[in-house]
Protein backbone atom coordinates (compact mmCIF):
# COMPACT_ATOMS: atom_id res chain seq x y z
CA MET A 1 16.31 -12.36 -14.18
CA THR A 2 14.76 -15.73 -13.52
CA PHE A 3 11.45 -16.28 -11.80
CA PRO A 4 10.18 -19.43 -10.00
CA SER A 5 8.26 -21.81 -12.28
CA THR A 6 4.51 -21.75 -12.01
CA ASP A 7 1.48 -23.89 -12.63
CA PRO A 8 0.59 -24.17 -16.30
CA SER A 9 -2.73 -22.47 -15.46
CA LYS A 10 -0.94 -19.18 -15.57
CA LYS A 11 -1.27 -19.15 -19.35
CA THR A 12 -5.14 -19.28 -19.05
CA GLY A 13 -6.35 -18.78 -15.52
CA GLY A 14 -3.54 -16.68 -13.96
CA TRP A 15 -5.15 -13.39 -14.88
CA SER A 16 -8.50 -14.47 -13.32
CA ALA A 17 -6.60 -14.98 -10.05
CA VAL A 18 -4.91 -11.68 -10.41
CA LEU A 19 -8.31 -9.99 -10.83
CA ALA A 20 -9.56 -11.92 -7.73
CA MET A 21 -6.60 -10.61 -5.74
CA SER A 22 -7.40 -7.11 -6.88
CA LEU A 23 -10.94 -7.48 -5.64
CA ALA A 24 -9.62 -8.83 -2.26
CA ALA A 25 -7.23 -5.81 -2.17
CA PHE A 26 -10.18 -3.46 -2.70
CA ALA A 27 -12.19 -5.00 0.19
CA LEU A 28 -9.08 -4.99 2.46
CA VAL A 29 -8.14 -1.33 1.90
CA ALA A 30 -11.86 -0.32 2.07
CA SER A 31 -12.16 -2.08 5.39
CA GLU A 32 -8.90 -0.51 6.73
CA PHE A 33 -9.89 3.13 5.97
CA MET A 34 -13.72 2.83 6.60
CA PRO A 35 -13.42 4.36 10.07
CA VAL A 36 -12.07 7.59 8.71
CA SER A 37 -15.46 8.87 7.68
CA LEU A 38 -17.42 7.16 10.52
CA LEU A 39 -15.65 8.25 13.57
CA THR A 40 -18.50 10.39 14.95
CA PRO A 41 -21.21 7.79 14.74
CA ILE A 42 -18.89 5.00 15.97
CA ALA A 43 -17.96 7.00 19.09
CA ALA A 44 -21.52 8.02 19.81
CA ASP A 45 -22.82 4.40 19.58
CA LEU A 46 -19.99 2.68 21.52
CA HIS A 47 -19.89 5.61 24.09
CA ILE A 48 -16.25 6.38 23.49
CA THR A 49 -14.39 9.43 22.25
CA GLU A 50 -13.59 10.11 18.64
CA GLY A 51 -9.91 9.77 19.50
CA GLN A 52 -10.55 6.22 20.81
CA ALA A 53 -12.61 5.41 17.74
CA GLY A 54 -9.63 6.57 15.67
CA GLN A 55 -7.37 4.03 17.33
CA GLY A 56 -9.29 1.41 15.31
CA ILE A 57 -7.01 2.51 12.41
CA SER A 58 -3.87 2.47 14.59
CA VAL A 59 -4.52 -1.04 15.88
CA SER A 60 -5.06 -2.44 12.41
CA GLY A 61 -1.78 -0.80 11.32
CA ALA A 62 0.13 -2.34 14.28
CA PHE A 63 -1.11 -5.84 13.62
CA ALA A 64 -0.39 -5.40 9.92
CA LEU A 65 3.16 -4.60 10.95
CA ILE A 66 3.51 -7.62 13.18
CA THR A 67 1.97 -9.98 10.64
CA SER A 68 4.21 -8.70 7.84
CA LEU A 69 7.29 -9.67 9.80
CA LEU A 70 5.99 -13.15 10.66
CA ILE A 71 4.23 -14.14 7.45
CA ALA A 72 7.35 -15.55 5.68
CA SER A 73 7.77 -18.29 8.27
CA VAL A 74 4.03 -19.17 8.06
CA ALA A 75 4.20 -19.20 4.19
CA ALA A 76 7.16 -21.63 4.37
CA ARG A 77 4.86 -24.19 5.99
CA VAL A 78 1.38 -23.55 4.58
CA GLU A 79 0.39 -23.90 0.97
CA ARG A 80 -0.10 -20.38 -0.42
CA LYS A 81 -3.60 -20.88 -1.70
CA LYS A 82 -4.84 -21.97 1.62
CA LEU A 83 -3.09 -19.14 3.32
CA LEU A 84 -4.53 -16.44 1.05
CA LEU A 85 -8.02 -17.89 1.40
CA GLY A 86 -7.56 -18.05 5.26
CA LEU A 87 -6.57 -14.29 5.14
CA THR A 88 -9.61 -13.42 3.05
CA LEU A 89 -11.89 -15.38 5.42
CA LEU A 90 -10.28 -13.46 8.30
CA MET A 91 -11.35 -10.21 6.49
CA ILE A 92 -14.99 -11.63 6.40
CA VAL A 93 -14.80 -12.46 10.15
CA SER A 94 -13.37 -8.97 10.99
CA GLY A 95 -16.18 -7.12 9.10
CA THR A 96 -18.81 -9.25 10.88
CA VAL A 97 -17.23 -8.77 14.35
CA VAL A 98 -17.04 -5.00 13.85
CA ALA A 99 -20.62 -4.78 12.48
CA VAL A 100 -22.14 -6.56 15.51
CA ALA A 101 -19.68 -5.28 18.17
CA PRO A 102 -21.58 -4.68 21.39
CA GLY A 103 -18.73 -2.57 22.77
CA TYR A 104 -15.29 -1.02 22.33
CA PRO A 105 -13.19 -4.18 23.05
CA SER A 106 -14.97 -6.26 20.51
CA PHE A 107 -14.71 -3.46 18.02
CA MET A 108 -10.94 -3.38 18.54
CA VAL A 109 -10.70 -7.10 18.17
CA GLY A 110 -12.39 -6.86 14.81
CA ARG A 111 -9.93 -4.17 13.80
CA ALA A 112 -6.96 -6.26 14.90
CA LEU A 113 -8.22 -9.09 12.61
CA ILE A 114 -8.34 -6.81 9.65
CA GLY A 115 -4.76 -5.82 10.36
CA ILE A 116 -3.54 -9.32 10.26
CA ALA A 117 -5.35 -9.91 6.96
CA ILE A 118 -3.80 -6.67 5.52
CA GLY A 119 -0.22 -7.49 6.69
CA GLY A 120 -0.41 -11.10 5.42
CA PHE A 121 -2.11 -10.28 2.08
CA TRP A 122 0.19 -7.53 0.97
CA SER A 123 3.26 -9.41 2.12
CA LEU A 124 2.29 -12.34 -0.22
CA SER A 125 0.95 -10.29 -3.20
CA ALA A 126 4.24 -9.96 -5.04
CA ALA A 127 5.35 -13.55 -4.53
CA THR A 128 1.90 -14.78 -5.75
CA ALA A 129 1.87 -12.52 -8.86
CA ILE A 130 5.30 -13.88 -9.81
CA ARG A 131 3.90 -17.42 -9.97
CA LEU A 132 0.65 -16.38 -11.75
CA VAL A 133 1.79 -14.76 -14.93
CA LYS A 134 4.81 -14.62 -17.23
CA PRO A 135 7.97 -12.74 -16.10
CA GLU A 136 7.49 -9.93 -18.55
CA GLN A 137 3.80 -9.42 -17.29
CA VAL A 138 4.54 -9.22 -13.52
CA SER A 139 4.59 -5.47 -13.37
CA ARG A 140 1.13 -5.48 -15.16
CA ALA A 141 -0.27 -7.97 -12.59
CA LEU A 142 1.03 -5.95 -9.64
CA ALA A 143 -0.50 -2.88 -11.25
CA ILE A 144 -3.93 -4.58 -11.33
CA VAL A 145 -3.67 -5.78 -7.74
CA ASN A 146 -2.65 -2.31 -6.66
CA GLY A 147 -5.53 -0.92 -8.76
CA GLY A 148 -7.94 -2.44 -6.19
CA ASN A 149 -5.98 -0.64 -3.52
CA ALA A 150 -6.22 2.67 -5.40
CA LEU A 151 -9.83 2.41 -6.12
CA ALA A 152 -10.65 1.66 -2.49
CA THR A 153 -8.69 4.67 -1.44
CA VAL A 154 -10.76 6.79 -3.72
CA ILE A 155 -14.16 5.67 -2.67
CA ALA A 156 -13.74 4.17 0.87
CA ALA A 157 -14.17 7.44 2.83
CA PRO A 158 -17.02 9.08 0.73
CA ALA A 159 -18.83 5.67 0.44
CA GLY A 160 -18.46 5.06 4.14
CA SER A 161 -19.98 8.38 4.94
CA PHE A 162 -22.86 7.86 2.41
CA LEU A 163 -23.66 4.41 3.54
CA GLY A 164 -23.42 5.40 7.15
CA SER A 165 -26.06 8.10 6.66
CA LEU A 166 -28.37 5.54 5.05
CA ILE A 167 -27.92 2.28 6.97
CA GLY A 168 -25.72 3.30 9.88
CA TRP A 169 -22.00 2.71 10.61
CA ARG A 170 -22.46 -0.99 11.24
CA GLY A 171 -24.27 -1.52 7.96
CA ALA A 172 -21.47 0.41 6.18
CA PHE A 173 -18.86 -1.97 7.63
CA PHE A 174 -20.82 -5.00 6.78
CA CYS A 175 -21.21 -3.94 3.18
CA VAL A 176 -17.58 -4.91 2.71
CA VAL A 177 -18.38 -8.60 3.87
CA PRO A 178 -20.24 -9.61 0.64
CA VAL A 179 -17.38 -8.18 -1.46
CA ALA A 180 -14.95 -10.23 0.61
CA VAL A 181 -17.02 -13.41 0.23
CA LEU A 182 -17.02 -12.81 -3.56
CA ALA A 183 -13.30 -12.42 -3.47
CA ALA A 184 -12.91 -15.56 -1.48
CA VAL A 185 -15.01 -17.60 -3.82
CA TRP A 186 -13.24 -16.21 -6.88
CA LEU A 187 -9.76 -17.04 -5.29
CA LEU A 188 -10.99 -20.49 -4.53
CA ILE A 189 -11.93 -21.15 -8.10
CA SER A 190 -9.12 -19.32 -9.94
CA LEU A 191 -6.07 -19.57 -7.78
CA PRO A 192 -3.84 -22.60 -8.46
CA SER A 193 -2.17 -24.48 -5.64
CA PHE A 194 1.34 -23.65 -4.82
CA LYS A 195 3.77 -25.82 -2.83
CA ALA A 196 5.16 -24.27 0.29
CA GLU A 197 8.70 -23.22 -0.58
CA ARG A 198 10.71 -23.23 2.54
CA GLN A 199 13.77 -21.02 2.30
CA ALA A 200 16.82 -21.16 4.52
CA GLY A 201 16.32 -18.63 7.31
CA SER A 202 12.83 -17.73 6.05
CA GLY A 203 11.70 -16.81 9.50
CA ASN A 204 14.19 -13.92 9.80
CA VAL A 205 13.25 -11.30 7.22
CA LEU A 206 15.87 -8.85 8.50
CA ARG A 207 18.53 -11.20 7.02
CA LEU A 208 17.65 -9.81 3.63
CA MET A 209 19.11 -6.47 4.69
CA LYS A 210 22.62 -8.06 4.51
CA GLN A 211 22.36 -7.77 0.71
CA LEU A 212 23.41 -4.38 -0.43
CA PRO A 213 20.89 -4.09 -3.36
CA VAL A 214 18.07 -4.99 -1.00
CA ALA A 215 19.23 -2.71 1.84
CA LEU A 216 19.55 0.24 -0.50
CA GLY A 217 16.16 -0.36 -2.09
CA MET A 218 14.36 -0.83 1.31
CA VAL A 219 15.93 2.38 2.71
CA ALA A 220 14.84 4.27 -0.43
CA VAL A 221 11.34 2.87 0.03
CA SER A 222 11.26 3.97 3.62
CA VAL A 223 12.46 7.47 2.97
CA PHE A 224 10.08 7.87 0.06
CA PHE A 225 6.98 6.84 2.07
CA MET A 226 8.13 9.05 4.93
CA GLY A 227 8.42 12.05 2.69
CA GLN A 228 5.09 11.35 1.13
CA PHE A 229 3.12 11.08 4.24
CA MET A 230 4.71 14.12 5.89
CA LEU A 231 2.64 16.10 3.41
CA PHE A 232 -0.34 13.96 2.60
CA THR A 233 -1.29 13.58 6.24
CA TYR A 234 -1.78 17.34 6.58
CA LEU A 235 -3.45 18.15 3.27
CA ARG A 236 -6.86 18.91 4.83
CA PRO A 237 -5.74 21.55 7.26
CA PHE A 238 -3.61 23.14 4.42
CA LEU A 239 -6.57 23.14 1.92
CA GLU A 240 -9.01 24.57 4.53
CA GLY A 241 -6.56 27.09 6.14
CA VAL A 242 -4.42 28.20 3.16
CA THR A 243 -6.35 27.46 -0.08
CA GLY A 244 -9.60 28.34 1.79
CA VAL A 245 -11.92 25.87 0.14
CA SER A 246 -15.20 24.56 1.49
CA VAL A 247 -15.77 21.03 2.60
CA SER A 248 -17.46 20.13 -0.77
CA THR A 249 -14.72 21.56 -2.79
CA LEU A 250 -12.12 19.76 -0.55
CA SER A 251 -13.87 16.59 -1.20
CA LEU A 252 -13.80 17.10 -4.90
CA MET A 253 -10.04 17.89 -4.84
CA LEU A 254 -9.37 14.73 -2.86
CA LEU A 255 -11.57 12.71 -5.21
CA GLY A 256 -9.61 14.15 -8.17
CA LEU A 257 -6.39 13.16 -6.34
CA GLY A 258 -7.66 9.61 -5.91
CA LEU A 259 -8.92 9.21 -9.46
CA ALA A 260 -5.52 10.38 -10.85
CA GLY A 261 -3.82 7.86 -8.61
CA PHE A 262 -6.00 5.09 -9.95
CA ILE A 263 -5.10 6.07 -13.55
CA GLY A 264 -1.37 6.30 -12.52
CA THR A 265 -1.27 2.71 -11.35
CA PHE A 266 -1.77 1.55 -14.95
CA LEU A 267 0.24 4.28 -16.72
CA ILE A 268 3.42 3.55 -14.81
CA GLU A 269 4.03 0.25 -16.55
CA ARG A 270 5.10 1.85 -19.77
CA PHE A 271 7.57 3.95 -17.98
CA MET A 272 8.99 1.12 -15.96
CA GLY A 273 9.55 -0.74 -19.23
CA ARG A 274 11.88 2.04 -20.23
CA GLY A 275 13.80 1.98 -17.03
CA LEU A 276 12.55 0.80 -13.55
CA TYR A 277 15.18 2.68 -11.56
CA ARG A 278 14.91 5.76 -13.63
CA THR A 279 11.16 5.82 -12.97
CA LEU A 280 11.75 5.25 -9.16
CA THR A 281 14.27 8.05 -9.10
CA VAL A 282 12.19 10.62 -11.02
CA ILE A 283 8.82 10.09 -9.17
CA PRO A 284 10.04 11.48 -5.84
CA LEU A 285 11.69 14.43 -7.67
CA ILE A 286 8.32 15.28 -9.22
CA MET A 287 6.62 15.07 -5.87
CA ALA A 288 9.26 17.36 -4.29
CA ALA A 289 8.65 19.91 -6.88
CA ILE A 290 4.85 19.65 -6.30
CA ALA A 291 5.45 20.09 -2.54
CA LEU A 292 7.43 23.28 -3.19
CA ALA A 293 4.86 24.47 -5.68
CA LEU A 294 2.06 24.03 -3.23
CA VAL A 295 3.95 26.34 -0.85
CA SER A 296 4.08 28.96 -3.60
CA PHE A 297 0.78 28.66 -5.21
CA GLY A 298 -1.37 27.00 -2.47
CA LYS A 299 -3.76 30.05 -2.38
CA SER A 300 -5.06 29.29 -5.84
CA PRO A 301 -7.74 26.62 -5.77
CA VAL A 302 -7.34 25.87 -9.51
CA LEU A 303 -3.61 25.51 -9.40
CA THR A 304 -3.76 23.55 -6.11
CA ALA A 305 -6.19 21.09 -7.65
CA MET A 306 -4.02 20.65 -10.67
CA LEU A 307 -0.91 20.02 -8.43
CA LEU A 308 -2.72 17.55 -6.34
CA GLY A 309 -3.98 15.69 -9.44
CA LEU A 310 -0.31 15.36 -10.52
CA TRP A 311 0.66 14.24 -7.03
CA GLY A 312 -1.97 11.51 -7.01
CA LEU A 313 -0.93 10.37 -10.48
CA VAL A 314 2.67 9.74 -9.52
CA ALA A 315 2.46 9.02 -5.76
CA THR A 316 -0.11 6.20 -5.95
CA ALA A 317 1.76 4.74 -8.95
CA ALA A 318 5.07 4.55 -7.02
CA PRO A 319 4.09 1.37 -4.96
CA VAL A 320 3.60 -0.52 -8.26
CA GLY A 321 7.28 0.30 -9.10
CA TRP A 322 8.55 -0.76 -5.74
CA TRP A 323 6.61 -4.07 -5.83
CA THR A 324 8.02 -4.62 -9.33
CA TRP A 325 11.50 -3.88 -7.83
CA LEU A 326 10.83 -6.47 -5.17
CA ALA A 327 9.80 -9.12 -7.68
CA GLN A 328 12.93 -8.62 -9.81
CA THR A 329 15.34 -8.30 -6.81
CA LEU A 330 14.04 -11.24 -4.69
CA PRO A 331 12.20 -13.63 -7.06
CA ASP A 332 12.99 -16.64 -4.99
CA ASP A 333 12.39 -15.04 -1.56
CA ALA A 334 9.49 -12.74 -2.35
CA GLU A 335 7.48 -13.78 0.72
CA ALA A 336 10.16 -12.59 3.16
CA GLY A 337 10.81 -9.57 0.90
CA GLY A 338 7.18 -8.68 0.81
CA GLY A 339 6.89 -8.94 4.63
CA LEU A 340 9.87 -6.74 5.10
CA LEU A 341 8.56 -4.27 2.59
CA VAL A 342 5.17 -3.98 4.19
CA ALA A 343 6.72 -3.49 7.59
CA ILE A 344 9.12 -0.77 6.43
CA VAL A 345 6.29 1.04 4.66
CA GLN A 346 4.08 0.92 7.73
CA LEU A 347 6.80 2.36 9.95
CA ALA A 348 7.73 5.05 7.39
CA ILE A 349 4.04 6.18 7.08
CA ALA A 350 3.76 6.49 10.90
CA GLY A 351 7.11 8.27 11.12
CA GLY A 352 6.32 10.70 8.36
CA ALA A 353 2.92 11.50 9.98
CA ILE A 354 4.62 12.14 13.33
CA ILE A 355 7.49 14.23 12.06
CA GLY A 356 5.23 16.13 9.71
CA GLY A 357 2.89 16.76 12.53
CA LEU A 358 5.61 18.12 14.77
CA ALA A 359 6.82 20.52 12.02
CA PHE A 360 3.26 21.58 11.33
CA ASP A 361 2.55 22.45 15.00
CA LEU A 362 6.01 24.23 15.52
CA SER A 363 6.39 26.12 12.27
CA GLY A 364 3.26 25.72 10.11
CA TYR A 365 2.52 24.10 6.69
CA LYS A 366 5.47 25.59 4.86
CA ALA A 367 7.95 23.85 7.21
CA THR A 368 6.11 20.61 6.73
CA PHE A 369 5.86 20.77 3.00
CA GLU A 370 9.50 21.94 2.55
CA LEU A 371 10.67 19.14 4.85
CA SER A 372 8.69 16.72 2.76
CA ALA A 373 10.37 18.05 -0.41
CA ALA A 374 13.79 17.59 1.17
CA VAL A 375 13.14 14.02 2.30
CA LEU A 376 11.68 13.12 -1.13
CA VAL A 377 14.95 14.48 -2.80
CA VAL A 378 16.86 12.11 -0.53
CA ALA A 379 14.59 9.22 -1.53
CA SER A 380 15.35 10.00 -5.25
CA VAL A 381 19.16 9.84 -4.50
CA LEU A 382 18.79 6.58 -2.74
CA ALA A 383 16.69 5.17 -5.54
CA TRP A 384 19.43 6.14 -7.92
CA LEU A 385 22.10 4.58 -5.74
CA ALA A 386 20.08 1.32 -5.66
CA GLY A 387 19.79 1.36 -9.38
CA ARG A 388 23.58 2.05 -9.87
CA ASN A 389 24.43 -0.83 -7.42
CA ALA A 390 22.06 -3.25 -9.19
CA THR A 391 23.61 -2.40 -12.58
CA GLU A 392 27.06 -3.05 -11.09
CA VAL A 393 25.96 -6.41 -9.66
CA HIS A 394 24.46 -7.38 -13.06
CA LEU A 395 27.79 -6.53 -14.73
CA VAL A 396 29.75 -8.62 -12.32
CA GLU A 397 27.41 -11.56 -12.78
CA ALA A 398 27.51 -11.21 -16.55
CA ASN A 399 31.30 -11.13 -16.52
CA THR A 400 31.73 -14.06 -14.13
CA PRO A 401 32.48 -17.41 -15.98
CA ALA A 402 29.86 -20.03 -15.51
CA GLY A 403 30.77 -22.40 -12.66
CA ALA A 404 33.28 -19.92 -11.20
């Protein structure tokens, strides 16, 4: 597999830029999920309902989806370093607008801006990593970038709650701004300049689905995230109603899940080295088994905590695998591929939460968790099919005479 040539700085300064991207990812994800633990004070201060405050997460997701579908056409015209710096500056503006928002409309504008930054940044992350490090180090670079994501997932909610109690919800939001400023300065110093590489049809990311290996992989990604969030979205009512844990114990369990996920993002590289598609096939099978085990042993706090730790270890690592798949499958069209992947994941997460919620309301947690397990098994089969197709394509290419 050939990757685009990069600036010579990748031998020395590439890893510094990767770390800067990881810091930017941390700030982005922390900003995205900060409202989760601050809905009550936000609603009280802005004189809105908690449901309306919660739409701050929905609007950021919607704008991330739209941006991810459009970013490839922008990246074909704008030099990537300027584009990434612009997205990071947009994150700074978003945090500032939200922190000083006099009312609900300006609050939502700030949330829309963070959505644009999220959609653009994640869509470009794989394409940028490919050009920063050597081909055999791409998966490690993606793991480091996703490590910022995993760390923010672990601490965003508890940190937001703690800071909100000390300096108010506005102060909690503004605390992300200095981190974003540091990330912007670091990117400015460490990120080399990349020429805009315009691809034929780069504005239409859906054209990639005409390629069978890409289509199979994208469908597998979609089904995987749908199955994951069918269960994950409804963990709290399960833990409180079935396992019977207190709020403090629940927080510790979720913290353990997040810490395991942070570790998993760095452990997965050694497994992918032995077989990328094998890893992507086995992960959803493990998660399906965990979902069924939670149904059987969910009343035991100890066993449940252990199962959730294992869930976090593999579930949080899976995106590293799929971003590596993208880098290998579309090395010359990674901007469009990244945008399509982000859009599909956003839709799958929403779909999984909606379907899981309907099952939860109609038949309880058992139906939701069993449905999640079934969908994850389907995701495993699709990942296996994607790997089989990729192998067949490589065999055909290897047996085709040069210039044929």
